[in-house]
Amino acid sequence: MTKVIVFGTFDILHPGHLDFFKQAKKFAQKLIVVVARDVNVKKIKHKKPLNNEKDRLKLVSELNVVDNSVLGNLNNPYKIIQKVKPDVICLGYDQKIFTDNLSNNFPKIKIVRLKAYKRNINKSSKFKNLICWI
């Protein structure tokens, strides 16, 4: 069975995330979604997510397109790749964190950069800005 893995915060699920999952699923029979840990989101984005990691994991796990969802590793983002042993890693069009050395660290895993879905419309940051004004 071919496995694909994707990574993200998925703080506010929106149509762009759903499209991301659907695009990734086309590369394999099993889609595994890695949800970023709260402490790592704070380190990378310099702010805490609106929803905690358990809530974000629960929401992602309830999507029909997702076969399995797990929390990322607290210290090493590559540990989950070693554990899951995916055939494909799908990256979002704008994902830059921890992606530079994927090919070097995992030469047998196919790396695919997915296309944007309405790039300027469906970004979590835009939804968060709207929520702040409500």
N, C-alpha and C. Protein backbone atom coordinates (compact mmCIF):
# COMPACT_ATOMS: atom_id res chain seq x y z
N MET A 1 0.83 -1.18 0.00
CA MET A 1 0.00 0.00 0.00
C MET A 1 0.88 1.25 0.00
N THR A 2 0.65 2.13 -0.94
CA THR A 2 1.42 3.36 -1.06
C THR A 2 0.92 4.38 -0.03
N LYS A 3 1.90 4.97 0.72
CA LYS A 3 1.56 5.95 1.75
C LYS A 3 2.12 7.33 1.39
N VAL A 4 1.29 8.34 1.63
CA VAL A 4 1.74 9.72 1.46
C VAL A 4 1.57 10.43 2.80
N ILE A 5 2.52 11.32 3.08
CA ILE A 5 2.47 12.06 4.34
C ILE A 5 2.49 13.56 4.02
N VAL A 6 1.73 14.33 4.78
CA VAL A 6 1.72 15.79 4.67
C VAL A 6 1.86 16.37 6.08
N PHE A 7 2.30 17.61 6.14
CA PHE A 7 2.54 18.29 7.41
C PHE A 7 1.87 19.65 7.40
N GLY A 8 1.47 20.10 8.58
CA GLY A 8 0.93 21.44 8.68
C GLY A 8 0.39 21.73 10.07
N THR A 9 0.02 22.98 10.26
CA THR A 9 -0.59 23.40 11.52
C THR A 9 -2.08 23.10 11.50
N PHE A 10 -2.74 23.44 10.40
CA PHE A 10 -4.17 23.20 10.21
C PHE A 10 -4.99 23.80 11.35
N ASP A 11 -4.67 25.05 11.67
CA ASP A 11 -5.31 25.72 12.80
C ASP A 11 -6.77 26.03 12.51
N ILE A 12 -7.03 26.60 11.38
CA ILE A 12 -8.41 26.87 10.97
C ILE A 12 -8.59 26.14 9.65
N LEU A 13 -9.29 25.01 9.67
CA LEU A 13 -9.48 24.25 8.44
C LEU A 13 -10.32 25.04 7.46
N HIS A 14 -9.88 25.09 6.22
CA HIS A 14 -10.58 25.83 5.18
C HIS A 14 -10.47 25.08 3.86
N PRO A 15 -11.16 25.53 2.82
CA PRO A 15 -11.15 24.81 1.53
C PRO A 15 -9.75 24.59 0.96
N GLY A 16 -8.81 25.47 1.24
CA GLY A 16 -7.45 25.28 0.77
C GLY A 16 -6.81 24.04 1.39
N HIS A 17 -7.07 23.80 2.68
CA HIS A 17 -6.56 22.59 3.33
C HIS A 17 -7.20 21.35 2.72
N LEU A 18 -8.50 21.41 2.49
CA LEU A 18 -9.20 20.25 1.92
C LEU A 18 -8.66 19.92 0.53
N ASP A 19 -8.41 20.94 -0.26
CA ASP A 19 -7.83 20.73 -1.58
C ASP A 19 -6.42 20.14 -1.46
N PHE A 20 -5.65 20.63 -0.51
CA PHE A 20 -4.30 20.12 -0.23
C PHE A 20 -4.35 18.63 0.07
N PHE A 21 -5.28 18.22 0.94
CA PHE A 21 -5.42 16.80 1.29
C PHE A 21 -5.84 15.97 0.07
N LYS A 22 -6.76 16.49 -0.70
CA LYS A 22 -7.24 15.76 -1.88
C LYS A 22 -6.14 15.61 -2.93
N GLN A 23 -5.36 16.67 -3.13
CA GLN A 23 -4.24 16.58 -4.07
C GLN A 23 -3.23 15.52 -3.60
N ALA A 24 -2.93 15.53 -2.31
CA ALA A 24 -1.96 14.59 -1.76
C ALA A 24 -2.46 13.15 -1.87
N LYS A 25 -3.73 12.96 -1.63
CA LYS A 25 -4.32 11.62 -1.66
C LYS A 25 -4.20 10.98 -3.05
N LYS A 26 -4.12 11.79 -4.09
CA LYS A 26 -3.99 11.26 -5.45
C LYS A 26 -2.67 10.52 -5.67
N PHE A 27 -1.69 10.74 -4.79
CA PHE A 27 -0.39 10.10 -4.93
C PHE A 27 -0.28 8.77 -4.18
N ALA A 28 -1.31 8.40 -3.43
CA ALA A 28 -1.22 7.17 -2.64
C ALA A 28 -2.60 6.70 -2.18
N GLN A 29 -2.63 5.46 -1.72
CA GLN A 29 -3.88 4.92 -1.18
C GLN A 29 -4.12 5.38 0.27
N LYS A 30 -3.05 5.68 0.99
CA LYS A 30 -3.18 6.05 2.40
C LYS A 30 -2.58 7.43 2.65
N LEU A 31 -3.41 8.35 3.16
CA LEU A 31 -2.97 9.70 3.48
C LEU A 31 -2.78 9.84 4.99
N ILE A 32 -1.57 10.18 5.38
CA ILE A 32 -1.23 10.42 6.79
C ILE A 32 -0.94 11.91 6.95
N VAL A 33 -1.68 12.55 7.85
CA VAL A 33 -1.51 13.98 8.10
C VAL A 33 -0.81 14.17 9.44
N VAL A 34 0.29 14.91 9.41
CA VAL A 34 1.03 15.23 10.63
C VAL A 34 0.64 16.65 11.04
N VAL A 35 0.07 16.75 12.23
CA VAL A 35 -0.36 18.04 12.78
C VAL A 35 0.74 18.57 13.68
N ALA A 36 1.14 19.81 13.44
CA ALA A 36 2.23 20.43 14.20
C ALA A 36 1.88 20.59 15.67
N ARG A 37 2.87 20.37 16.50
CA ARG A 37 2.71 20.54 17.95
C ARG A 37 2.63 22.02 18.28
N ASP A 38 1.89 22.34 19.33
CA ASP A 38 1.72 23.73 19.75
C ASP A 38 3.04 24.45 19.98
N VAL A 39 3.97 23.79 20.68
CA VAL A 39 5.26 24.44 20.97
C VAL A 39 6.05 24.71 19.69
N ASN A 40 5.95 23.82 18.73
CA ASN A 40 6.67 24.02 17.47
C ASN A 40 6.03 25.13 16.64
N VAL A 41 4.70 25.22 16.67
CA VAL A 41 4.03 26.32 15.96
C VAL A 41 4.49 27.65 16.55
N LYS A 42 4.56 27.72 17.88
CA LYS A 42 5.01 28.95 18.54
C LYS A 42 6.44 29.30 18.14
N LYS A 43 7.32 28.30 18.07
CA LYS A 43 8.71 28.54 17.66
C LYS A 43 8.81 29.04 16.23
N ILE A 44 8.04 28.43 15.34
CA ILE A 44 8.15 28.73 13.91
C ILE A 44 7.41 30.00 13.53
N LYS A 45 6.18 30.13 14.02
CA LYS A 45 5.34 31.27 13.61
C LYS A 45 5.36 32.41 14.62
N HIS A 46 6.03 32.21 15.72
CA HIS A 46 6.16 33.23 16.78
C HIS A 46 4.83 33.62 17.39
N LYS A 47 3.85 32.70 17.32
CA LYS A 47 2.58 32.91 18.01
C LYS A 47 1.91 31.55 18.17
N LYS A 48 1.09 31.47 19.19
CA LYS A 48 0.40 30.22 19.45
C LYS A 48 -0.76 30.06 18.47
N PRO A 49 -1.10 28.82 18.12
CA PRO A 49 -2.27 28.62 17.27
C PRO A 49 -3.54 28.96 18.05
N LEU A 50 -4.59 29.30 17.34
CA LEU A 50 -5.87 29.60 17.99
C LEU A 50 -6.43 28.35 18.66
N ASN A 51 -6.28 27.20 18.00
CA ASN A 51 -6.78 25.93 18.52
C ASN A 51 -5.61 25.08 18.97
N ASN A 52 -5.78 24.37 20.09
CA ASN A 52 -4.68 23.55 20.58
C ASN A 52 -4.49 22.31 19.71
N GLU A 53 -3.34 21.66 19.88
CA GLU A 53 -2.95 20.54 19.02
C GLU A 53 -3.95 19.38 19.07
N LYS A 54 -4.53 19.11 20.21
CA LYS A 54 -5.49 18.01 20.31
C LYS A 54 -6.76 18.31 19.52
N ASP A 55 -7.23 19.54 19.59
CA ASP A 55 -8.42 19.92 18.83
C ASP A 55 -8.14 19.90 17.33
N ARG A 56 -6.97 20.41 16.94
CA ARG A 56 -6.61 20.41 15.52
C ARG A 56 -6.47 18.98 14.99
N LEU A 57 -5.87 18.11 15.79
CA LEU A 57 -5.72 16.70 15.41
C LEU A 57 -7.09 16.04 15.26
N LYS A 58 -7.98 16.31 16.18
CA LYS A 58 -9.33 15.72 16.13
C LYS A 58 -10.07 16.16 14.88
N LEU A 59 -10.02 17.45 14.56
CA LEU A 59 -10.70 17.95 13.36
C LEU A 59 -10.16 17.31 12.09
N VAL A 60 -8.85 17.24 11.99
CA VAL A 60 -8.22 16.64 10.80
C VAL A 60 -8.58 15.16 10.70
N SER A 61 -8.59 14.47 11.83
CA SER A 61 -8.86 13.03 11.81
C SER A 61 -10.29 12.71 11.38
N GLU A 62 -11.18 13.66 11.51
CA GLU A 62 -12.59 13.44 11.14
C GLU A 62 -12.87 13.63 9.66
N LEU A 63 -11.89 14.09 8.91
CA LEU A 63 -12.08 14.28 7.48
C LEU A 63 -12.02 12.94 6.75
N ASN A 64 -12.94 12.72 5.84
CA ASN A 64 -13.00 11.46 5.10
C ASN A 64 -11.76 11.19 4.26
N VAL A 65 -11.15 12.22 3.73
CA VAL A 65 -9.99 12.05 2.86
C VAL A 65 -8.74 11.62 3.64
N VAL A 66 -8.73 11.86 4.94
CA VAL A 66 -7.57 11.56 5.79
C VAL A 66 -7.70 10.13 6.34
N ASP A 67 -6.68 9.32 6.11
CA ASP A 67 -6.70 7.94 6.61
C ASP A 67 -6.14 7.83 8.02
N ASN A 68 -5.17 8.67 8.34
CA ASN A 68 -4.57 8.65 9.67
C ASN A 68 -4.00 10.03 9.95
N SER A 69 -4.14 10.47 11.19
CA SER A 69 -3.54 11.75 11.58
C SER A 69 -2.79 11.54 12.88
N VAL A 70 -1.65 12.21 12.98
CA VAL A 70 -0.78 12.07 14.15
C VAL A 70 -0.19 13.43 14.49
N LEU A 71 0.22 13.57 15.74
CA LEU A 71 0.95 14.77 16.14
C LEU A 71 2.41 14.62 15.75
N GLY A 72 3.02 15.72 15.37
CA GLY A 72 4.43 15.71 15.02
C GLY A 72 5.30 15.49 16.24
N ASN A 73 6.57 15.27 16.01
CA ASN A 73 7.53 15.07 17.08
C ASN A 73 7.88 16.42 17.70
N LEU A 74 8.06 16.44 19.00
CA LEU A 74 8.37 17.69 19.69
C LEU A 74 9.74 18.26 19.34
N ASN A 75 10.72 17.38 19.09
CA ASN A 75 12.10 17.84 18.92
C ASN A 75 12.67 17.68 17.53
N ASN A 76 12.21 16.68 16.79
CA ASN A 76 12.81 16.37 15.50
C ASN A 76 11.71 16.16 14.46
N PRO A 77 11.54 17.09 13.53
CA PRO A 77 10.45 16.96 12.56
C PRO A 77 10.61 15.76 11.62
N TYR A 78 11.82 15.22 11.52
CA TYR A 78 12.05 14.10 10.61
C TYR A 78 11.75 12.74 11.25
N LYS A 79 11.60 12.70 12.58
CA LYS A 79 11.35 11.43 13.28
C LYS A 79 10.07 10.76 12.78
N ILE A 80 9.04 11.54 12.55
CA ILE A 80 7.77 10.96 12.11
C ILE A 80 7.91 10.34 10.72
N ILE A 81 8.75 10.92 9.89
CA ILE A 81 9.00 10.35 8.56
C ILE A 81 9.69 9.00 8.71
N GLN A 82 10.66 8.94 9.61
CA GLN A 82 11.35 7.68 9.86
C GLN A 82 10.40 6.61 10.40
N LYS A 83 9.46 7.03 11.22
CA LYS A 83 8.50 6.10 11.82
C LYS A 83 7.47 5.61 10.80
N VAL A 84 6.88 6.53 10.05
CA VAL A 84 5.81 6.20 9.11
C VAL A 84 6.33 5.51 7.85
N LYS A 85 7.54 5.90 7.42
CA LYS A 85 8.14 5.36 6.19
C LYS A 85 7.21 5.54 4.98
N PRO A 86 6.89 6.80 4.66
CA PRO A 86 6.00 7.04 3.51
C PRO A 86 6.72 6.81 2.18
N ASP A 87 5.93 6.61 1.16
CA ASP A 87 6.47 6.51 -0.20
C ASP A 87 6.59 7.89 -0.83
N VAL A 88 5.71 8.80 -0.38
CA VAL A 88 5.65 10.15 -0.94
C VAL A 88 5.48 11.16 0.20
N ILE A 89 6.17 12.28 0.09
CA ILE A 89 5.94 13.44 0.96
C ILE A 89 5.39 14.54 0.08
N CYS A 90 4.20 15.01 0.41
CA CYS A 90 3.61 16.12 -0.34
C CYS A 90 3.74 17.39 0.48
N LEU A 91 4.21 18.44 -0.17
CA LEU A 91 4.40 19.73 0.47
C LEU A 91 3.46 20.75 -0.14
N GLY A 92 3.00 21.67 0.68
CA GLY A 92 2.19 22.76 0.19
C GLY A 92 3.02 23.71 -0.65
N TYR A 93 2.36 24.47 -1.49
CA TYR A 93 3.07 25.39 -2.39
C TYR A 93 3.92 26.39 -1.62
N ASP A 94 3.52 26.69 -0.37
CA ASP A 94 4.22 27.72 0.40
C ASP A 94 5.00 27.16 1.60
N GLN A 95 5.09 25.85 1.71
CA GLN A 95 5.82 25.26 2.83
C GLN A 95 7.32 25.39 2.61
N LYS A 96 8.00 25.97 3.59
CA LYS A 96 9.43 26.19 3.48
C LYS A 96 10.19 25.60 4.68
N ILE A 97 9.54 25.51 5.83
CA ILE A 97 10.20 25.03 7.05
C ILE A 97 10.48 23.54 6.95
N PHE A 98 11.70 23.14 7.23
CA PHE A 98 12.16 21.74 7.25
C PHE A 98 12.09 21.05 5.89
N THR A 99 11.98 21.79 4.82
CA THR A 99 11.84 21.15 3.51
C THR A 99 13.14 21.12 2.71
N ASP A 100 14.11 21.93 3.07
CA ASP A 100 15.34 22.04 2.29
C ASP A 100 16.11 20.74 2.16
N ASN A 101 16.19 19.98 3.23
CA ASN A 101 17.03 18.78 3.23
C ASN A 101 16.23 17.48 3.10
N LEU A 102 14.98 17.55 2.77
CA LEU A 102 14.17 16.33 2.66
C LEU A 102 14.77 15.35 1.66
N SER A 103 15.11 15.84 0.49
CA SER A 103 15.65 14.96 -0.56
C SER A 103 16.97 14.31 -0.13
N ASN A 104 17.81 15.07 0.57
CA ASN A 104 19.09 14.53 1.03
C ASN A 104 18.90 13.52 2.16
N ASN A 105 17.98 13.82 3.08
CA ASN A 105 17.76 12.95 4.23
C ASN A 105 16.95 11.71 3.88
N PHE A 106 16.10 11.82 2.86
CA PHE A 106 15.22 10.71 2.48
C PHE A 106 15.25 10.52 0.96
N PRO A 107 16.38 10.07 0.42
CA PRO A 107 16.54 10.00 -1.04
C PRO A 107 15.60 9.00 -1.73
N LYS A 108 15.05 8.04 -1.01
CA LYS A 108 14.18 7.04 -1.62
C LYS A 108 12.71 7.46 -1.60
N ILE A 109 12.41 8.57 -0.94
CA ILE A 109 11.02 9.04 -0.85
C ILE A 109 10.80 10.12 -1.91
N LYS A 110 9.72 9.98 -2.66
CA LYS A 110 9.36 10.97 -3.67
C LYS A 110 8.84 12.22 -2.97
N ILE A 111 9.34 13.38 -3.36
CA ILE A 111 8.91 14.66 -2.81
C ILE A 111 8.10 15.39 -3.88
N VAL A 112 6.89 15.80 -3.52
CA VAL A 112 6.00 16.47 -4.47
C VAL A 112 5.54 17.80 -3.89
N ARG A 113 5.67 18.85 -4.66
CA ARG A 113 5.18 20.17 -4.27
C ARG A 113 3.79 20.33 -4.90
N LEU A 114 2.76 20.51 -4.07
CA LEU A 114 1.39 20.61 -4.56
C LEU A 114 1.06 22.03 -5.00
N LYS A 115 0.02 22.15 -5.78
CA LYS A 115 -0.39 23.44 -6.32
C LYS A 115 -1.25 24.21 -5.31
N ALA A 116 -1.22 25.52 -5.44
CA ALA A 116 -2.03 26.38 -4.58
C ALA A 116 -3.49 26.28 -4.99
N TYR A 117 -4.36 26.44 -4.02
CA TYR A 117 -5.80 26.50 -4.26
C TYR A 117 -6.23 27.93 -3.95
N LYS A 118 -6.54 28.68 -4.98
CA LYS A 118 -6.93 30.08 -4.79
C LYS A 118 -5.96 30.76 -3.82
N ARG A 119 -4.73 30.81 -4.23
CA ARG A 119 -3.58 31.24 -3.41
C ARG A 119 -3.86 32.42 -2.50
N ASN A 120 -4.48 33.45 -2.98
CA ASN A 120 -4.66 34.66 -2.18
C ASN A 120 -5.94 34.65 -1.35
N ILE A 121 -6.73 33.61 -1.50
CA ILE A 121 -8.01 33.58 -0.78
C ILE A 121 -7.96 32.65 0.42
N ASN A 122 -7.51 31.42 0.23
CA ASN A 122 -7.59 30.42 1.28
C ASN A 122 -6.27 30.21 2.01
N LYS A 123 -5.89 31.20 2.79
CA LYS A 123 -4.72 31.10 3.65
C LYS A 123 -5.21 31.28 5.08
N SER A 124 -4.72 30.46 5.97
CA SER A 124 -5.15 30.54 7.37
C SER A 124 -4.94 31.93 7.95
N SER A 125 -3.85 32.59 7.58
CA SER A 125 -3.57 33.92 8.13
C SER A 125 -4.68 34.90 7.77
N LYS A 126 -5.24 34.77 6.58
CA LYS A 126 -6.33 35.66 6.18
C LYS A 126 -7.59 35.38 7.02
N PHE A 127 -7.87 34.10 7.30
CA PHE A 127 -9.01 33.74 8.12
C PHE A 127 -8.82 34.24 9.56
N LYS A 128 -7.60 34.14 10.07
CA LYS A 128 -7.33 34.61 11.43
C LYS A 128 -7.55 36.10 11.53
N ASN A 129 -7.15 36.85 10.49
CA ASN A 129 -7.37 38.29 10.48
C ASN A 129 -8.84 38.61 10.52
N LEU A 130 -9.66 37.86 9.80
CA LEU A 130 -11.11 38.07 9.82
C LEU A 130 -11.66 37.79 11.21
N ILE A 131 -11.21 36.71 11.83
CA ILE A 131 -11.71 36.34 13.15
C ILE A 131 -11.38 37.42 14.18
N CYS A 132 -10.22 38.02 14.05
CA CYS A 132 -9.83 39.08 14.99
C CYS A 132 -10.76 40.28 14.90
N TRP A 133 -11.37 40.49 13.75
CA TRP A 133 -12.25 41.64 13.57
C TRP A 133 -13.69 41.34 13.95
N ILE A 134 -14.02 40.08 14.15
CA ILE A 134 -15.40 39.70 14.48
C ILE A 134 -15.66 39.90 15.96
